[in-house]
């Protein structure tokens, strides 16, 4: 059985918030796909409530695509400490960080959560724009590290 990359990370030693490249995989025809860990809260110390996490997912899914080309998916982590971003190619982590920060600033100005209805979302009642803005504000104030151990 192949090892899961995120299970190899010592979650006791990282310092959130941070952006890190988890891996880049190359397909049989040479195509590259990269995955990034967008960590908002300190693992095993804090997590984002589901309504706020869900609203962040909806908002970031749209905003990030305006700043980063080739996004395949943005997925919330099951532990609710952040997101995984999957993109075509092999992008510099600094580019991902800048796109994330710009997107979070836009969330602070948002007046609604996109796709907050029963047609476009499977749990549209569990969205918190207020919560999304609060977590966006907190991580922007702290700043995202590019070094997961806290030293930029």
C-alpha atoms as a PDB file:
ATOM      1  CA  UNK A   1       0.000   0.000   0.000  1.00  0.00           C
ATOM      2  CA  UNK A   2       1.352   3.415  -1.019  1.00  0.00           C
ATOM      3  CA  UNK A   3       1.928   5.866   1.838  1.00  0.00           C
ATOM      4  CA  UNK A   4      -0.348   8.910   2.114  1.00  0.00           C
ATOM      5  CA  UNK A   5       1.847  12.018   1.919  1.00  0.00           C
ATOM      6  CA  UNK A   6      -0.026  14.048   4.541  1.00  0.00           C
ATOM      7  CA  UNK A   7       0.224  11.170   7.026  1.00  0.00           C
ATOM      8  CA  UNK A   8       4.020  11.475   6.838  1.00  0.00           C
ATOM      9  CA  UNK A   9       3.892  15.078   8.114  1.00  0.00           C
ATOM     10  CA  UNK A  10       4.455  15.541  11.867  1.00  0.00           C
ATOM     11  CA  UNK A  11       1.438  17.702  12.677  1.00  0.00           C
ATOM     12  CA  UNK A  12       2.878  18.517  16.129  1.00  0.00           C
ATOM     13  CA  UNK A  13       5.823  20.434  14.647  1.00  0.00           C
ATOM     14  CA  UNK A  14       4.233  22.605  11.956  1.00  0.00           C
ATOM     15  CA  UNK A  15       3.302  26.241  12.581  1.00  0.00           C
ATOM     16  CA  UNK A  16       0.099  27.457  10.917  1.00  0.00           C
ATOM     17  CA  UNK A  17      -0.913  29.376   8.932  1.00  0.00           C
ATOM     18  CA  UNK A  18       1.230  28.246   6.014  1.00  0.00           C
ATOM     19  CA  UNK A  19       1.246  27.259   2.358  1.00  0.00           C
ATOM     20  CA  UNK A  20       3.284  24.224   1.335  1.00  0.00           C
ATOM     21  CA  UNK A  21       3.640  22.154  -1.788  1.00  0.00           C
ATOM     22  CA  UNK A  22       2.790  18.569  -0.883  1.00  0.00           C
ATOM     23  CA  UNK A  23       3.829  16.952  -4.141  1.00  0.00           C
ATOM     24  CA  UNK A  24       3.985  17.127  -7.906  1.00  0.00           C
ATOM     25  CA  UNK A  25       3.093  14.012  -9.831  1.00  0.00           C
ATOM     26  CA  UNK A  26       3.919  13.343 -13.463  1.00  0.00           C
ATOM     27  CA  UNK A  27       1.485  11.313 -15.547  1.00  0.00           C
ATOM     28  CA  UNK A  28       2.272   8.732 -18.183  1.00  0.00           C
ATOM     29  CA  UNK A  29       2.147  11.379 -20.934  1.00  0.00           C
ATOM     30  CA  UNK A  30       4.253  13.917 -19.032  1.00  0.00           C
ATOM     31  CA  UNK A  31       1.417  15.974 -17.617  1.00  0.00           C
ATOM     32  CA  UNK A  32       2.061  17.381 -14.130  1.00  0.00           C
ATOM     33  CA  UNK A  33      -0.385  17.817 -11.259  1.00  0.00           C
ATOM     34  CA  UNK A  34       0.597  19.519  -7.991  1.00  0.00           C
ATOM     35  CA  UNK A  35      -1.104  19.538  -4.602  1.00  0.00           C
ATOM     36  CA  UNK A  36      -0.728  22.306  -1.992  1.00  0.00           C
ATOM     37  CA  UNK A  37      -1.553  22.350   1.717  1.00  0.00           C
ATOM     38  CA  UNK A  38      -3.264  25.648   2.611  1.00  0.00           C
ATOM     39  CA  UNK A  39      -3.213  25.416   6.403  1.00  0.00           C
ATOM     40  CA  UNK A  40      -5.289  28.004   8.280  1.00  0.00           C
ATOM     41  CA  UNK A  41      -5.293  26.757  11.882  1.00  0.00           C
ATOM     42  CA  UNK A  42      -2.813  24.943  14.079  1.00  0.00           C
ATOM     43  CA  UNK A  43      -3.332  21.172  13.807  1.00  0.00           C
ATOM     44  CA  UNK A  44      -4.732  19.536  16.938  1.00  0.00           C
ATOM     45  CA  UNK A  45      -5.168  22.954  18.596  1.00  0.00           C
ATOM     46  CA  UNK A  46      -7.948  24.608  16.582  1.00  0.00           C
ATOM     47  CA  UNK A  47     -10.263  23.845  13.693  1.00  0.00           C
ATOM     48  CA  UNK A  48     -12.642  25.841  11.543  1.00  0.00           C
ATOM     49  CA  UNK A  49     -16.362  25.292  12.263  1.00  0.00           C
ATOM     50  CA  UNK A  50     -18.131  23.593   9.360  1.00  0.00           C
ATOM     51  CA  UNK A  51     -20.269  26.591   8.348  1.00  0.00           C
ATOM     52  CA  UNK A  52     -17.228  28.862   8.077  1.00  0.00           C
ATOM     53  CA  UNK A  53     -15.130  26.184   6.335  1.00  0.00           C
ATOM     54  CA  UNK A  54     -17.929  25.479   3.871  1.00  0.00           C
ATOM     55  CA  UNK A  55     -18.365  29.197   3.067  1.00  0.00           C
ATOM     56  CA  UNK A  56     -14.589  29.616   2.659  1.00  0.00           C
ATOM     57  CA  UNK A  57     -14.632  26.679   0.234  1.00  0.00           C
ATOM     58  CA  UNK A  58     -17.392  28.254  -1.888  1.00  0.00           C
ATOM     59  CA  UNK A  59     -15.741  31.683  -1.909  1.00  0.00           C
ATOM     60  CA  UNK A  60     -12.176  30.473  -2.497  1.00  0.00           C
ATOM     61  CA  UNK A  61     -13.287  28.066  -5.240  1.00  0.00           C
ATOM     62  CA  UNK A  62     -14.237  31.074  -7.349  1.00  0.00           C
ATOM     63  CA  UNK A  63     -11.764  33.741  -6.256  1.00  0.00           C
ATOM     64  CA  UNK A  64      -8.636  31.557  -6.472  1.00  0.00           C
ATOM     65  CA  UNK A  65      -9.429  30.733 -10.110  1.00  0.00           C
ATOM     66  CA  UNK A  66      -9.137  34.448 -10.927  1.00  0.00           C
ATOM     67  CA  UNK A  67      -5.515  34.536  -9.691  1.00  0.00           C
ATOM     68  CA  UNK A  68      -4.128  31.034 -10.254  1.00  0.00           C
ATOM     69  CA  UNK A  69      -4.341  29.285 -13.621  1.00  0.00           C
ATOM     70  CA  UNK A  70      -5.035  25.585 -13.935  1.00  0.00           C
ATOM     71  CA  UNK A  71      -6.930  24.910 -10.717  1.00  0.00           C
ATOM     72  CA  UNK A  72      -8.418  21.433 -10.682  1.00  0.00           C
ATOM     73  CA  UNK A  73      -9.945  21.434  -7.202  1.00  0.00           C
ATOM     74  CA  UNK A  74     -10.032  23.065  -3.783  1.00  0.00           C
ATOM     75  CA  UNK A  75     -10.978  20.574  -1.057  1.00  0.00           C
ATOM     76  CA  UNK A  76     -11.499  21.158   2.659  1.00  0.00           C
ATOM     77  CA  UNK A  77      -9.411  18.948   4.933  1.00  0.00           C
ATOM     78  CA  UNK A  78     -11.384  16.481   7.003  1.00  0.00           C
ATOM     79  CA  UNK A  79      -9.628  17.781  10.126  1.00  0.00           C
ATOM     80  CA  UNK A  80     -11.027  21.256   9.277  1.00  0.00           C
ATOM     81  CA  UNK A  81      -7.662  23.006   9.621  1.00  0.00           C
ATOM     82  CA  UNK A  82      -7.450  24.157   5.994  1.00  0.00           C
ATOM     83  CA  UNK A  83      -7.686  23.096   2.371  1.00  0.00           C
ATOM     84  CA  UNK A  84      -5.909  21.119  -0.314  1.00  0.00           C
ATOM     85  CA  UNK A  85      -5.489  22.883  -3.638  1.00  0.00           C
ATOM     86  CA  UNK A  86      -4.817  20.757  -6.731  1.00  0.00           C
ATOM     87  CA  UNK A  87      -3.527  22.394  -9.921  1.00  0.00           C
ATOM     88  CA  UNK A  88      -2.197  21.461 -13.352  1.00  0.00           C
ATOM     89  CA  UNK A  89       1.548  21.981 -13.591  1.00  0.00           C
ATOM     90  CA  UNK A  90       4.178  22.804 -11.015  1.00  0.00           C
ATOM     91  CA  UNK A  91       3.601  26.286  -9.617  1.00  0.00           C
ATOM     92  CA  UNK A  92       5.834  28.211  -7.253  1.00  0.00           C
ATOM     93  CA  UNK A  93       4.488  28.182  -3.693  1.00  0.00           C
ATOM     94  CA  UNK A  94       4.847  31.972  -3.557  1.00  0.00           C
ATOM     95  CA  UNK A  95       2.348  32.302  -6.445  1.00  0.00           C
ATOM     96  CA  UNK A  96      -0.134  30.124  -4.557  1.00  0.00           C
ATOM     97  CA  UNK A  97       0.344  32.178  -1.386  1.00  0.00           C
ATOM     98  CA  UNK A  98      -0.199  35.477  -3.206  1.00  0.00           C
ATOM     99  CA  UNK A  99      -3.359  34.191  -4.920  1.00  0.00           C
ATOM    100  CA  UNK A 100      -4.676  32.913  -1.602  1.00  0.00           C
ATOM    101  CA  UNK A 101      -4.007  36.193   0.212  1.00  0.00           C
ATOM    102  CA  UNK A 102      -5.647  38.240  -2.552  1.00  0.00           C
ATOM    103  CA  UNK A 103      -8.654  35.915  -2.503  1.00  0.00           C
ATOM    104  CA  UNK A 104      -8.986  36.172   1.278  1.00  0.00           C
ATOM    105  CA  UNK A 105      -8.952  39.978   1.047  1.00  0.00           C
ATOM    106  CA  UNK A 106     -11.840  39.721  -1.397  1.00  0.00           C
ATOM    107  CA  UNK A 107     -13.712  37.492   1.046  1.00  0.00           C
ATOM    108  CA  UNK A 108     -13.576  40.325   3.588  1.00  0.00           C
ATOM    109  CA  UNK A 109     -15.580  42.417   1.093  1.00  0.00           C
ATOM    110  CA  UNK A 110     -18.034  39.674   0.046  1.00  0.00           C
ATOM    111  CA  UNK A 111     -21.731  40.259   0.582  1.00  0.00           C
ATOM    112  CA  UNK A 112     -22.896  36.716  -0.162  1.00  0.00           C
ATOM    113  CA  UNK A 113     -21.689  33.138  -0.494  1.00  0.00           C
ATOM    114  CA  UNK A 114     -21.859  31.876  -4.095  1.00  0.00           C
ATOM    115  CA  UNK A 115     -24.026  28.837  -4.845  1.00  0.00           C
ATOM    116  CA  UNK A 116     -25.802  29.039  -1.470  1.00  0.00           C
ATOM    117  CA  UNK A 117     -28.937  27.288  -2.654  1.00  0.00           C
ATOM    118  CA  UNK A 118     -30.372  23.793  -2.865  1.00  0.00           C
ATOM    119  CA  UNK A 119     -29.710  23.505  -6.613  1.00  0.00           C
ATOM    120  CA  UNK A 120     -25.954  24.182  -6.498  1.00  0.00           C
ATOM    121  CA  UNK A 121     -24.997  22.914  -3.034  1.00  0.00           C
ATOM    122  CA  UNK A 122     -25.655  19.697  -1.152  1.00  0.00           C
ATOM    123  CA  UNK A 123     -25.788  21.363   2.284  1.00  0.00           C
ATOM    124  CA  UNK A 124     -26.579  25.015   1.545  1.00  0.00           C
ATOM    125  CA  UNK A 125     -27.992  25.695   5.021  1.00  0.00           C
ATOM    126  CA  UNK A 126     -24.564  25.140   6.620  1.00  0.00           C
ATOM    127  CA  UNK A 127     -22.726  28.213   5.329  1.00  0.00           C
ATOM    128  CA  UNK A 128     -21.460  31.124   7.410  1.00  0.00           C
ATOM    129  CA  UNK A 129     -20.270  34.233   5.582  1.00  0.00           C
ATOM    130  CA  UNK A 130     -19.582  35.858   8.948  1.00  0.00           C
ATOM    131  CA  UNK A 131     -17.409  32.886   9.982  1.00  0.00           C
ATOM    132  CA  UNK A 132     -15.563  32.852   6.645  1.00  0.00           C
ATOM    133  CA  UNK A 133     -14.739  36.540   7.051  1.00  0.00           C
ATOM    134  CA  UNK A 134     -13.524  36.017  10.622  1.00  0.00           C
ATOM    135  CA  UNK A 135     -11.121  33.218   9.617  1.00  0.00           C
ATOM    136  CA  UNK A 136      -9.964  35.177   6.560  1.00  0.00           C
ATOM    137  CA  UNK A 137      -9.206  38.154   8.811  1.00  0.00           C
ATOM    138  CA  UNK A 138      -7.310  36.053  11.361  1.00  0.00           C
ATOM    139  CA  UNK A 139      -5.045  34.291   8.850  1.00  0.00           C
ATOM    140  CA  UNK A 140      -4.353  37.502   6.935  1.00  0.00           C
ATOM    141  CA  UNK A 141      -3.320  39.212  10.183  1.00  0.00           C
ATOM    142  CA  UNK A 142      -0.998  36.327  11.092  1.00  0.00           C
ATOM    143  CA  UNK A 143       0.325  35.914   7.561  1.00  0.00           C
ATOM    144  CA  UNK A 144       1.014  32.661   5.730  1.00  0.00           C
ATOM    145  CA  UNK A 145       4.470  31.142   6.125  1.00  0.00           C
ATOM    146  CA  UNK A 146       6.166  29.389   3.239  1.00  0.00           C
ATOM    147  CA  UNK A 147       8.192  27.358   5.736  1.00  0.00           C
ATOM    148  CA  UNK A 148       5.916  25.007   7.653  1.00  0.00           C
ATOM    149  CA  UNK A 149       8.062  25.325  10.769  1.00  0.00           C
ATOM    150  CA  UNK A 150       7.370  29.047  11.039  1.00  0.00           C
ATOM    151  CA  UNK A 151      10.473  30.737   9.652  1.00  0.00           C
ATOM    152  CA  UNK A 152       9.856  32.451   6.318  1.00  0.00           C
END
